[in-house]
């Protein structure tokens, strides 16, 4: 699963937030919306994690496997 992890510059313990894009998008698409949100989260001292869902962005896994139920399993 392609992933982008943005970590604050200082500190040694962080909360983390998973950012999940909408259908037919990707972690670095939509005019870099998630990247801009991630930047603000990191500025607040929180780790921001972005993923590409099945068959979107750089994730080449079959669209038949799309959905939170499949990802959790």
PDB file of N, CA and C in Angstrom:
ATOM      1  N   UNK A   1       0.853  -1.162   0.000  1.00  0.00           N
ATOM      2  CA  UNK A   1       0.000   0.000   0.000  1.00  0.00           C
ATOM      3  C   UNK A   1       0.909   1.238   0.000  1.00  0.00           C
ATOM      4  N   UNK A   2       0.844   2.057  -1.041  1.00  0.00           N
ATOM      5  CA  UNK A   2       1.630   3.294  -1.062  1.00  0.00           C
ATOM      6  C   UNK A   2       1.209   4.211   0.088  1.00  0.00           C
ATOM      7  N   UNK A   3       2.193   4.776   0.748  1.00  0.00           N
ATOM      8  CA  UNK A   3       1.932   5.569   1.946  1.00  0.00           C
ATOM      9  C   UNK A   3       2.870   6.767   1.994  1.00  0.00           C
ATOM     10  N   UNK A   4       2.392   7.843   2.539  1.00  0.00           N
ATOM     11  CA  UNK A   4       3.189   9.047   2.790  1.00  0.00           C
ATOM     12  C   UNK A   4       3.050   9.352   4.271  1.00  0.00           C
ATOM     13  N   UNK A   5       4.170   9.434   4.978  1.00  0.00           N
ATOM     14  CA  UNK A   5       4.151   9.750   6.407  1.00  0.00           C
ATOM     15  C   UNK A   5       4.881  11.070   6.611  1.00  0.00           C
ATOM     16  N   UNK A   6       4.179  12.041   7.160  1.00  0.00           N
ATOM     17  CA  UNK A   6       4.759  13.360   7.446  1.00  0.00           C
ATOM     18  C   UNK A   6       4.898  13.492   8.957  1.00  0.00           C
ATOM     19  N   UNK A   7       6.133  13.771   9.404  1.00  0.00           N
ATOM     20  CA  UNK A   7       6.456  13.794  10.833  1.00  0.00           C
ATOM     21  C   UNK A   7       6.939  15.183  11.239  1.00  0.00           C
ATOM     22  N   UNK A   8       6.483  15.684  12.380  1.00  0.00           N
ATOM     23  CA  UNK A   8       6.973  16.992  12.862  1.00  0.00           C
ATOM     24  C   UNK A   8       8.497  16.972  13.040  1.00  0.00           C
ATOM     25  N   UNK A   9       9.113  18.137  12.926  1.00  0.00           N
ATOM     26  CA  UNK A   9      10.574  18.256  13.015  1.00  0.00           C
ATOM     27  C   UNK A   9      11.116  18.026  14.416  1.00  0.00           C
ATOM     28  N   UNK A  10      10.315  18.273  15.435  1.00  0.00           N
ATOM     29  CA  UNK A  10      10.833  18.119  16.790  1.00  0.00           C
ATOM     30  C   UNK A  10       9.880  17.282  17.636  1.00  0.00           C
ATOM     31  N   UNK A  11      10.447  16.653  18.660  1.00  0.00           N
ATOM     32  CA  UNK A  11       9.659  15.819  19.559  1.00  0.00           C
ATOM     33  C   UNK A  11      10.029  14.356  19.391  1.00  0.00           C
ATOM     34  N   UNK A  12       9.582  13.531  20.333  1.00  0.00           N
ATOM     35  CA  UNK A  12       9.879  12.105  20.231  1.00  0.00           C
ATOM     36  C   UNK A  12       8.643  11.223  20.424  1.00  0.00           C
ATOM     37  N   UNK A  13       7.515  11.806  20.811  1.00  0.00           N
ATOM     38  CA  UNK A  13       6.246  11.080  20.909  1.00  0.00           C
ATOM     39  C   UNK A  13       5.172  11.920  20.233  1.00  0.00           C
ATOM     40  N   UNK A  14       4.394  11.274  19.377  1.00  0.00           N
ATOM     41  CA  UNK A  14       3.394  12.009  18.605  1.00  0.00           C
ATOM     42  C   UNK A  14       2.073  11.251  18.551  1.00  0.00           C
ATOM     43  N   UNK A  15       1.001  11.988  18.502  1.00  0.00           N
ATOM     44  CA  UNK A  15      -0.276  11.414  18.080  1.00  0.00           C
ATOM     45  C   UNK A  15      -0.187  11.293  16.565  1.00  0.00           C
ATOM     46  N   UNK A  16      -1.038  10.457  15.970  1.00  0.00           N
ATOM     47  CA  UNK A  16      -1.022  10.296  14.515  1.00  0.00           C
ATOM     48  C   UNK A  16      -2.442  10.356  13.979  1.00  0.00           C
ATOM     49  N   UNK A  17      -2.555  10.825  12.737  1.00  0.00           N
ATOM     50  CA  UNK A  17      -3.856  10.908  12.087  1.00  0.00           C
ATOM     51  C   UNK A  17      -3.738  10.289  10.698  1.00  0.00           C
ATOM     52  N   UNK A  18      -4.671   9.390  10.359  1.00  0.00           N
ATOM     53  CA  UNK A  18      -4.719   8.767   9.047  1.00  0.00           C
ATOM     54  C   UNK A  18      -5.645   9.586   8.154  1.00  0.00           C
ATOM     55  N   UNK A  19      -5.137  10.025   7.006  1.00  0.00           N
ATOM     56  CA  UNK A  19      -5.927  10.786   6.048  1.00  0.00           C
ATOM     57  C   UNK A  19      -6.277   9.864   4.883  1.00  0.00           C
ATOM     58  N   UNK A  20      -7.580   9.673   4.640  1.00  0.00           N
ATOM     59  CA  UNK A  20      -8.043   8.776   3.589  1.00  0.00           C
ATOM     60  C   UNK A  20      -8.788   9.599   2.542  1.00  0.00           C
ATOM     61  N   UNK A  21      -8.325   9.513   1.308  1.00  0.00           N
ATOM     62  CA  UNK A  21      -8.938  10.281   0.219  1.00  0.00           C
ATOM     63  C   UNK A  21     -10.284   9.716  -0.192  1.00  0.00           C
ATOM     64  N   UNK A  22     -10.993  10.461  -1.000  1.00  0.00           N
ATOM     65  CA  UNK A  22     -12.285  10.024  -1.516  1.00  0.00           C
ATOM     66  C   UNK A  22     -12.137   9.094  -2.707  1.00  0.00           C
ATOM     67  N   UNK A  23     -13.259   8.579  -3.201  1.00  0.00           N
ATOM     68  CA  UNK A  23     -13.285   7.640  -4.326  1.00  0.00           C
ATOM     69  C   UNK A  23     -12.717   8.291  -5.580  1.00  0.00           C
ATOM     70  N   UNK A  24     -11.906   7.539  -6.311  1.00  0.00           N
ATOM     71  CA  UNK A  24     -11.263   7.964  -7.562  1.00  0.00           C
ATOM     72  C   UNK A  24     -10.273   9.112  -7.358  1.00  0.00           C
ATOM     73  N   UNK A  25      -9.645   9.150  -6.235  1.00  0.00           N
ATOM     74  CA  UNK A  25      -8.639  10.160  -5.954  1.00  0.00           C
ATOM     75  C   UNK A  25      -7.360   9.439  -5.537  1.00  0.00           C
ATOM     76  N   UNK A  26      -6.450  10.158  -4.885  1.00  0.00           N
ATOM     77  CA  UNK A  26      -5.228   9.545  -4.360  1.00  0.00           C
ATOM     78  C   UNK A  26      -4.668  10.419  -3.253  1.00  0.00           C
ATOM     79  N   UNK A  27      -3.628   9.925  -2.587  1.00  0.00           N
ATOM     80  CA  UNK A  27      -3.061  10.653  -1.450  1.00  0.00           C
ATOM     81  C   UNK A  27      -2.405  11.966  -1.879  1.00  0.00           C
ATOM     82  N   UNK A  28      -2.052  12.089  -3.159  1.00  0.00           N
ATOM     83  CA  UNK A  28      -1.397  13.305  -3.648  1.00  0.00           C
ATOM     84  C   UNK A  28      -2.176  13.961  -4.783  1.00  0.00           C
ATOM     85  N   UNK A  29      -3.477  13.759  -4.821  1.00  0.00           N
ATOM     86  CA  UNK A  29      -4.290  14.310  -5.900  1.00  0.00           C
ATOM     87  C   UNK A  29      -5.209  15.410  -5.349  1.00  0.00           C
ATOM     88  N   UNK A  30      -6.279  15.729  -6.050  1.00  0.00           N
ATOM     89  CA  UNK A  30      -7.239  16.753  -5.624  1.00  0.00           C
ATOM     90  C   UNK A  30      -6.550  18.074  -5.307  1.00  0.00           C
ATOM     91  N   UNK A  31      -5.697  18.513  -6.244  1.00  0.00           N
ATOM     92  CA  UNK A  31      -4.976  19.773  -6.073  1.00  0.00           C
ATOM     93  C   UNK A  31      -4.151  19.757  -4.780  1.00  0.00           C
ATOM     94  N   UNK A  32      -3.644  18.569  -4.445  1.00  0.00           N
ATOM     95  CA  UNK A  32      -2.792  18.385  -3.258  1.00  0.00           C
ATOM     96  C   UNK A  32      -3.505  18.761  -1.962  1.00  0.00           C
ATOM     97  N   UNK A  33      -4.835  18.562  -1.927  1.00  0.00           N
ATOM     98  CA  UNK A  33      -5.625  18.902  -0.746  1.00  0.00           C
ATOM     99  C   UNK A  33      -5.117  18.180   0.510  1.00  0.00           C
ATOM    100  N   UNK A  34      -4.899  16.850   0.413  1.00  0.00           N
ATOM    101  CA  UNK A  34      -4.439  16.118   1.586  1.00  0.00           C
ATOM    102  C   UNK A  34      -3.032  16.531   1.995  1.00  0.00           C
ATOM    103  N   UNK A  35      -2.202  16.925   1.034  1.00  0.00           N
ATOM    104  CA  UNK A  35      -0.852  17.404   1.370  1.00  0.00           C
ATOM    105  C   UNK A  35      -0.935  18.708   2.155  1.00  0.00           C
ATOM    106  N   UNK A  36      -1.845  19.574   1.777  1.00  0.00           N
ATOM    107  CA  UNK A  36      -2.011  20.848   2.498  1.00  0.00           C
ATOM    108  C   UNK A  36      -2.575  20.604   3.897  1.00  0.00           C
ATOM    109  N   UNK A  37      -3.532  19.693   4.004  1.00  0.00           N
ATOM    110  CA  UNK A  37      -4.089  19.349   5.315  1.00  0.00           C
ATOM    111  C   UNK A  37      -2.999  18.713   6.176  1.00  0.00           C
ATOM    112  N   UNK A  38      -2.225  17.816   5.575  1.00  0.00           N
ATOM    113  CA  UNK A  38      -1.136  17.149   6.289  1.00  0.00           C
ATOM    114  C   UNK A  38      -0.144  18.165   6.846  1.00  0.00           C
ATOM    115  N   UNK A  39       0.182  19.160   6.058  1.00  0.00           N
ATOM    116  CA  UNK A  39       1.132  20.192   6.507  1.00  0.00           C
ATOM    117  C   UNK A  39       0.622  20.876   7.770  1.00  0.00           C
ATOM    118  N   UNK A  40      -0.644  21.218   7.800  1.00  0.00           N
ATOM    119  CA  UNK A  40      -1.225  21.885   8.973  1.00  0.00           C
ATOM    120  C   UNK A  40      -1.233  20.954  10.189  1.00  0.00           C
ATOM    121  N   UNK A  41      -1.525  19.675   9.963  1.00  0.00           N
ATOM    122  CA  UNK A  41      -1.531  18.700  11.056  1.00  0.00           C
ATOM    123  C   UNK A  41      -0.133  18.572  11.647  1.00  0.00           C
ATOM    124  N   UNK A  42       0.869  18.485  10.777  1.00  0.00           N
ATOM    125  CA  UNK A  42       2.264  18.363  11.234  1.00  0.00           C
ATOM    126  C   UNK A  42       2.693  19.623  11.986  1.00  0.00           C
ATOM    127  N   UNK A  43       2.272  20.788  11.522  1.00  0.00           N
ATOM    128  CA  UNK A  43       2.589  22.039  12.226  1.00  0.00           C
ATOM    129  C   UNK A  43       2.010  22.038  13.641  1.00  0.00           C
ATOM    130  N   UNK A  44       0.941  21.277  13.852  1.00  0.00           N
ATOM    131  CA  UNK A  44       0.321  21.164  15.180  1.00  0.00           C
ATOM    132  C   UNK A  44       0.983  20.076  16.028  1.00  0.00           C
ATOM    133  N   UNK A  45       2.051  19.454  15.511  1.00  0.00           N
ATOM    134  CA  UNK A  45       2.780  18.452  16.274  1.00  0.00           C
ATOM    135  C   UNK A  45       2.217  17.045  16.188  1.00  0.00           C
ATOM    136  N   UNK A  46       1.457  16.774  15.133  1.00  0.00           N
ATOM    137  CA  UNK A  46       0.823  15.467  14.943  1.00  0.00           C
ATOM    138  C   UNK A  46       1.374  14.829  13.674  1.00  0.00           C
ATOM    139  N   UNK A  47       1.636  13.516  13.715  1.00  0.00           N
ATOM    140  CA  UNK A  47       2.066  12.788  12.521  1.00  0.00           C
ATOM    141  C   UNK A  47       0.866  12.637  11.590  1.00  0.00           C
ATOM    142  N   UNK A  48       1.051  12.902  10.313  1.00  0.00           N
ATOM    143  CA  UNK A  48      -0.005  12.744   9.315  1.00  0.00           C
ATOM    144  C   UNK A  48       0.385  11.613   8.368  1.00  0.00           C
ATOM    145  N   UNK A  49      -0.533  10.654   8.184  1.00  0.00           N
ATOM    146  CA  UNK A  49      -0.289   9.494   7.347  1.00  0.00           C
ATOM    147  C   UNK A  49      -1.332   9.481   6.232  1.00  0.00           C
ATOM    148  N   UNK A  50      -0.856   9.432   4.973  1.00  0.00           N
ATOM    149  CA  UNK A  50      -1.759   9.377   3.820  1.00  0.00           C
ATOM    150  C   UNK A  50      -1.513   8.079   3.070  1.00  0.00           C
ATOM    151  N   UNK A  51      -2.600   7.425   2.635  1.00  0.00           N
ATOM    152  CA  UNK A  51      -2.483   6.175   1.884  1.00  0.00           C
ATOM    153  C   UNK A  51      -3.233   6.295   0.562  1.00  0.00           C
ATOM    154  N   UNK A  52      -2.872   5.424  -0.386  1.00  0.00           N
ATOM    155  CA  UNK A  52      -3.643   5.282  -1.622  1.00  0.00           C
ATOM    156  C   UNK A  52      -4.496   4.031  -1.491  1.00  0.00           C
ATOM    157  N   UNK A  53      -5.806   4.178  -1.659  1.00  0.00           N
ATOM    158  CA  UNK A  53      -6.715   3.032  -1.584  1.00  0.00           C
ATOM    159  C   UNK A  53      -6.578   2.160  -2.830  1.00  0.00           C
ATOM    160  N   UNK A  54      -7.150   0.961  -2.801  1.00  0.00           N
ATOM    161  CA  UNK A  54      -7.043  -0.011  -3.891  1.00  0.00           C
ATOM    162  C   UNK A  54      -7.335   0.599  -5.252  1.00  0.00           C
ATOM    163  N   UNK A  55      -6.438   0.369  -6.191  1.00  0.00           N
ATOM    164  CA  UNK A  55      -6.507   0.779  -7.601  1.00  0.00           C
ATOM    165  C   UNK A  55      -6.609   2.292  -7.788  1.00  0.00           C
ATOM    166  N   UNK A  56      -6.168   3.049  -6.806  1.00  0.00           N
ATOM    167  CA  UNK A  56      -6.170   4.513  -6.922  1.00  0.00           C
ATOM    168  C   UNK A  56      -4.769   5.036  -6.619  1.00  0.00           C
ATOM    169  N   UNK A  57      -4.397   6.120  -7.289  1.00  0.00           N
ATOM    170  CA  UNK A  57      -3.056   6.655  -7.102  1.00  0.00           C
ATOM    171  C   UNK A  57      -2.026   5.620  -7.519  1.00  0.00           C
ATOM    172  N   UNK A  58      -1.056   5.343  -6.661  1.00  0.00           N
ATOM    173  CA  UNK A  58       0.001   4.381  -6.976  1.00  0.00           C
ATOM    174  C   UNK A  58      -0.310   2.970  -6.485  1.00  0.00           C
ATOM    175  N   UNK A  59      -1.497   2.750  -5.911  1.00  0.00           N
ATOM    176  CA  UNK A  59      -1.868   1.428  -5.418  1.00  0.00           C
ATOM    177  C   UNK A  59      -2.438   0.606  -6.582  1.00  0.00           C
ATOM    178  N   UNK A  60      -1.737  -0.435  -6.986  1.00  0.00           N
ATOM    179  CA  UNK A  60      -2.151  -1.244  -8.131  1.00  0.00           C
ATOM    180  C   UNK A  60      -3.013  -2.435  -7.750  1.00  0.00           C
ATOM    181  N   UNK A  61      -3.366  -2.557  -6.470  1.00  0.00           N
ATOM    182  CA  UNK A  61      -4.209  -3.655  -6.003  1.00  0.00           C
ATOM    183  C   UNK A  61      -5.585  -3.554  -6.648  1.00  0.00           C
ATOM    184  N   UNK A  62      -6.220  -4.662  -6.975  1.00  0.00           N
ATOM    185  CA  UNK A  62      -7.479  -4.701  -7.709  1.00  0.00           C
ATOM    186  C   UNK A  62      -8.592  -3.914  -7.027  1.00  0.00           C
ATOM    187  N   UNK A  63      -9.393  -3.221  -7.825  1.00  0.00           N
ATOM    188  CA  UNK A  63     -10.541  -2.476  -7.318  1.00  0.00           C
ATOM    189  C   UNK A  63     -11.574  -3.393  -6.669  1.00  0.00           C
ATOM    190  N   UNK A  64     -11.530  -4.675  -6.984  1.00  0.00           N
ATOM    191  CA  UNK A  64     -12.432  -5.630  -6.341  1.00  0.00           C
ATOM    192  C   UNK A  64     -12.187  -5.669  -4.837  1.00  0.00           C
ATOM    193  N   UNK A  65     -11.016  -5.224  -4.411  1.00  0.00           N
ATOM    194  CA  UNK A  65     -10.656  -5.244  -2.999  1.00  0.00           C
ATOM    195  C   UNK A  65     -10.845  -3.884  -2.332  1.00  0.00           C
ATOM    196  N   UNK A  66     -11.580  -2.982  -2.975  1.00  0.00           N
ATOM    197  CA  UNK A  66     -11.778  -1.634  -2.452  1.00  0.00           C
ATOM    198  C   UNK A  66     -12.761  -1.639  -1.290  1.00  0.00           C
ATOM    199  N   UNK A  67     -12.489  -0.857  -0.294  1.00  0.00           N
ATOM    200  CA  UNK A  67     -13.440  -0.669   0.792  1.00  0.00           C
ATOM    201  C   UNK A  67     -12.802  -0.888   2.158  1.00  0.00           C
ATOM    202  N   UNK A  68     -13.346  -0.243   3.158  1.00  0.00           N
ATOM    203  CA  UNK A  68     -12.804  -0.326   4.516  1.00  0.00           C
ATOM    204  C   UNK A  68     -12.880  -1.746   5.065  1.00  0.00           C
ATOM    205  N   UNK A  69     -13.964  -2.476   4.772  1.00  0.00           N
ATOM    206  CA  UNK A  69     -14.107  -3.845   5.289  1.00  0.00           C
ATOM    207  C   UNK A  69     -12.923  -4.701   4.829  1.00  0.00           C
ATOM    208  N   UNK A  70     -12.593  -4.623   3.543  1.00  0.00           N
ATOM    209  CA  UNK A  70     -11.491  -5.402   3.002  1.00  0.00           C
ATOM    210  C   UNK A  70     -10.164  -4.928   3.590  1.00  0.00           C
ATOM    211  N   UNK A  71      -9.978  -3.629   3.708  1.00  0.00           N
ATOM    212  CA  UNK A  71      -8.728  -3.096   4.236  1.00  0.00           C
ATOM    213  C   UNK A  71      -8.522  -3.515   5.698  1.00  0.00           C
ATOM    214  N   UNK A  72      -9.574  -3.526   6.489  1.00  0.00           N
ATOM    215  CA  UNK A  72      -9.468  -3.916   7.892  1.00  0.00           C
ATOM    216  C   UNK A  72      -9.149  -5.402   8.019  1.00  0.00           C
ATOM    217  N   UNK A  73      -9.805  -6.213   7.171  1.00  0.00           N
ATOM    218  CA  UNK A  73      -9.538  -7.657   7.188  1.00  0.00           C
ATOM    219  C   UNK A  73      -8.115  -7.940   6.785  1.00  0.00           C
TER     220      UNK A  73
END
